């Protein structure tokens, strides 16, 4: 209930004085499935005029995103994956298709700064 109240308060402030973007870190973690779905729908509706960066492990929230990024740990370090949600033909479900993003070349950036 505290999470739901806090989220409602943040969005009430947004309705009064909108910001250009929000960063939300697992704010829906304590919500049940139905309230997570409502949260995701509200973020989607408000994202027409505002950018949201939402950190989440909640499938309901992730599947409603326009773009999802994932970080995978490997023995060589972390990899960033772009996750695209594709409608599954013949059903109402979606499936995730991931692709590895090119890592940032830190050495190249250092050379350009000098």
C-alpha atoms as a PDB file:
ATOM      1  CA  UNK A   1       0.000   0.000   0.000  1.00  0.00           C
ATOM      2  CA  UNK A   2       2.893   2.365   0.717  1.00  0.00           C
ATOM      3  CA  UNK A   3       4.353   1.731  -2.739  1.00  0.00           C
ATOM      4  CA  UNK A   4       1.012   2.358  -4.397  1.00  0.00           C
ATOM      5  CA  UNK A   5       0.532   5.587  -2.440  1.00  0.00           C
ATOM      6  CA  UNK A   6       4.047   6.795  -3.283  1.00  0.00           C
ATOM      7  CA  UNK A   7       3.597   6.076  -6.991  1.00  0.00           C
ATOM      8  CA  UNK A   8       0.240   7.874  -6.950  1.00  0.00           C
ATOM      9  CA  UNK A   9       1.887  10.855  -5.242  1.00  0.00           C
ATOM     10  CA  UNK A  10       4.690  11.055  -7.841  1.00  0.00           C
ATOM     11  CA  UNK A  11       2.188  10.934 -10.696  1.00  0.00           C
ATOM     12  CA  UNK A  12      -0.031  13.529  -8.972  1.00  0.00           C
ATOM     13  CA  UNK A  13       2.967  15.872  -8.845  1.00  0.00           C
ATOM     14  CA  UNK A  14       3.565  15.073 -12.524  1.00  0.00           C
ATOM     15  CA  UNK A  15      -0.023  16.054 -13.367  1.00  0.00           C
ATOM     16  CA  UNK A  16       0.460  19.373 -11.570  1.00  0.00           C
ATOM     17  CA  UNK A  17       3.974  20.204 -12.813  1.00  0.00           C
ATOM     18  CA  UNK A  18       5.303  17.748 -15.420  1.00  0.00           C
ATOM     19  CA  UNK A  19       8.980  16.933 -15.715  1.00  0.00           C
ATOM     20  CA  UNK A  20      10.707  16.024 -18.992  1.00  0.00           C
ATOM     21  CA  UNK A  21      11.876  12.665 -17.688  1.00  0.00           C
ATOM     22  CA  UNK A  22      11.706  10.338 -14.711  1.00  0.00           C
ATOM     23  CA  UNK A  23      14.022   7.595 -13.507  1.00  0.00           C
ATOM     24  CA  UNK A  24      12.125   4.982 -11.494  1.00  0.00           C
ATOM     25  CA  UNK A  25      14.079   2.188  -9.814  1.00  0.00           C
ATOM     26  CA  UNK A  26      11.895  -0.850  -9.039  1.00  0.00           C
ATOM     27  CA  UNK A  27       9.078   1.321  -7.668  1.00  0.00           C
ATOM     28  CA  UNK A  28       6.536  -1.383  -8.562  1.00  0.00           C
ATOM     29  CA  UNK A  29       8.426  -4.267  -6.898  1.00  0.00           C
ATOM     30  CA  UNK A  30       5.925  -4.607  -4.023  1.00  0.00           C
ATOM     31  CA  UNK A  31       2.826  -4.338  -6.232  1.00  0.00           C
ATOM     32  CA  UNK A  32       0.627  -7.285  -7.157  1.00  0.00           C
ATOM     33  CA  UNK A  33       0.059  -8.282 -10.820  1.00  0.00           C
ATOM     34  CA  UNK A  34      -3.059  -6.159 -11.308  1.00  0.00           C
ATOM     35  CA  UNK A  35      -1.523  -2.986  -9.854  1.00  0.00           C
ATOM     36  CA  UNK A  36       1.697  -3.615 -11.801  1.00  0.00           C
ATOM     37  CA  UNK A  37      -0.406  -3.721 -14.957  1.00  0.00           C
ATOM     38  CA  UNK A  38      -2.104  -0.426 -14.001  1.00  0.00           C
ATOM     39  CA  UNK A  39       1.293   1.137 -13.280  1.00  0.00           C
ATOM     40  CA  UNK A  40       2.617   0.023 -16.685  1.00  0.00           C
ATOM     41  CA  UNK A  41      -0.465   1.402 -18.451  1.00  0.00           C
ATOM     42  CA  UNK A  42      -0.116   4.738 -16.663  1.00  0.00           C
ATOM     43  CA  UNK A  43       3.569   5.012 -17.567  1.00  0.00           C
ATOM     44  CA  UNK A  44       2.735   4.164 -21.188  1.00  0.00           C
ATOM     45  CA  UNK A  45       0.004   6.830 -21.268  1.00  0.00           C
ATOM     46  CA  UNK A  46       2.234   9.496 -19.700  1.00  0.00           C
ATOM     47  CA  UNK A  47       5.209   8.591 -21.909  1.00  0.00           C
ATOM     48  CA  UNK A  48       3.652  10.398 -24.863  1.00  0.00           C
ATOM     49  CA  UNK A  49       5.003  13.677 -23.448  1.00  0.00           C
ATOM     50  CA  UNK A  50       7.566  12.482 -20.893  1.00  0.00           C
ATOM     51  CA  UNK A  51      10.453  10.037 -21.047  1.00  0.00           C
ATOM     52  CA  UNK A  52      10.574   7.295 -18.428  1.00  0.00           C
ATOM     53  CA  UNK A  53      13.564   5.163 -17.542  1.00  0.00           C
ATOM     54  CA  UNK A  54      12.213   2.329 -15.432  1.00  0.00           C
ATOM     55  CA  UNK A  55      14.399  -0.276 -13.746  1.00  0.00           C
ATOM     56  CA  UNK A  56      12.310  -3.394 -13.212  1.00  0.00           C
ATOM     57  CA  UNK A  57      12.340  -7.164 -12.864  1.00  0.00           C
ATOM     58  CA  UNK A  58       8.574  -7.277 -13.342  1.00  0.00           C
ATOM     59  CA  UNK A  59       7.525  -9.035 -16.576  1.00  0.00           C
ATOM     60  CA  UNK A  60       4.305  -7.023 -16.759  1.00  0.00           C
ATOM     61  CA  UNK A  61       6.227  -3.740 -16.742  1.00  0.00           C
ATOM     62  CA  UNK A  62       8.984  -4.945 -19.086  1.00  0.00           C
ATOM     63  CA  UNK A  63       6.577  -6.233 -21.726  1.00  0.00           C
ATOM     64  CA  UNK A  64       4.807  -2.871 -21.866  1.00  0.00           C
ATOM     65  CA  UNK A  65       8.028  -0.961 -22.587  1.00  0.00           C
ATOM     66  CA  UNK A  66       8.865   0.557 -25.960  1.00  0.00           C
ATOM     67  CA  UNK A  67      12.503  -0.459 -25.503  1.00  0.00           C
ATOM     68  CA  UNK A  68      14.037  -2.773 -22.949  1.00  0.00           C
ATOM     69  CA  UNK A  69      17.731  -3.052 -22.169  1.00  0.00           C
ATOM     70  CA  UNK A  70      19.272  -5.869 -20.183  1.00  0.00           C
ATOM     71  CA  UNK A  71      22.665  -6.366 -18.612  1.00  0.00           C
ATOM     72  CA  UNK A  72      24.113  -9.867 -18.578  1.00  0.00           C
ATOM     73  CA  UNK A  73      27.166 -10.858 -16.574  1.00  0.00           C
ATOM     74  CA  UNK A  74      29.754 -12.941 -18.426  1.00  0.00           C
ATOM     75  CA  UNK A  75      33.196 -14.166 -17.463  1.00  0.00           C
ATOM     76  CA  UNK A  76      34.638 -11.344 -19.580  1.00  0.00           C
ATOM     77  CA  UNK A  77      32.501  -8.637 -17.989  1.00  0.00           C
ATOM     78  CA  UNK A  78      29.044  -7.223 -18.515  1.00  0.00           C
ATOM     79  CA  UNK A  79      27.170  -7.272 -21.817  1.00  0.00           C
ATOM     80  CA  UNK A  80      24.327  -4.928 -22.662  1.00  0.00           C
ATOM     81  CA  UNK A  81      21.461  -6.510 -24.572  1.00  0.00           C
ATOM     82  CA  UNK A  82      18.680  -4.782 -26.452  1.00  0.00           C
ATOM     83  CA  UNK A  83      15.445  -6.651 -25.949  1.00  0.00           C
ATOM     84  CA  UNK A  84      12.737  -6.200 -28.544  1.00  0.00           C
ATOM     85  CA  UNK A  85       9.220  -7.413 -27.897  1.00  0.00           C
ATOM     86  CA  UNK A  86       7.705  -9.132 -30.918  1.00  0.00           C
ATOM     87  CA  UNK A  87       4.047 -10.124 -31.183  1.00  0.00           C
ATOM     88  CA  UNK A  88       3.746 -13.893 -31.392  1.00  0.00           C
ATOM     89  CA  UNK A  89       1.805 -14.743 -34.582  1.00  0.00           C
ATOM     90  CA  UNK A  90      -1.517 -16.426 -33.919  1.00  0.00           C
ATOM     91  CA  UNK A  91      -1.707 -15.537 -30.213  1.00  0.00           C
ATOM     92  CA  UNK A  92      -2.089 -12.561 -27.896  1.00  0.00           C
ATOM     93  CA  UNK A  93       1.345 -13.082 -26.337  1.00  0.00           C
ATOM     94  CA  UNK A  94       4.697 -11.517 -27.085  1.00  0.00           C
ATOM     95  CA  UNK A  95       8.141 -13.015 -27.191  1.00  0.00           C
ATOM     96  CA  UNK A  96      11.484 -11.391 -26.461  1.00  0.00           C
ATOM     97  CA  UNK A  97      14.200 -11.275 -29.090  1.00  0.00           C
ATOM     98  CA  UNK A  98      17.556 -10.029 -27.853  1.00  0.00           C
ATOM     99  CA  UNK A  99      20.625  -8.744 -29.621  1.00  0.00           C
ATOM    100  CA  UNK A 100      23.976  -7.808 -28.165  1.00  0.00           C
ATOM    101  CA  UNK A 101      24.824  -4.129 -28.397  1.00  0.00           C
ATOM    102  CA  UNK A 102      28.327  -3.081 -29.369  1.00  0.00           C
ATOM    103  CA  UNK A 103      30.446  -2.390 -26.276  1.00  0.00           C
ATOM    104  CA  UNK A 104      31.832   1.076 -25.729  1.00  0.00           C
ATOM    105  CA  UNK A 105      35.505   1.229 -26.657  1.00  0.00           C
ATOM    106  CA  UNK A 106      36.946   3.085 -23.658  1.00  0.00           C
ATOM    107  CA  UNK A 107      40.430   3.248 -25.167  1.00  0.00           C
ATOM    108  CA  UNK A 108      39.120   4.978 -28.298  1.00  0.00           C
ATOM    109  CA  UNK A 109      37.228   7.565 -26.220  1.00  0.00           C
ATOM    110  CA  UNK A 110      40.399   8.365 -24.232  1.00  0.00           C
ATOM    111  CA  UNK A 111      42.398   8.995 -27.426  1.00  0.00           C
ATOM    112  CA  UNK A 112      39.768  11.404 -28.743  1.00  0.00           C
ATOM    113  CA  UNK A 113      39.689  13.400 -25.481  1.00  0.00           C
ATOM    114  CA  UNK A 114      43.445  14.217 -25.663  1.00  0.00           C
END
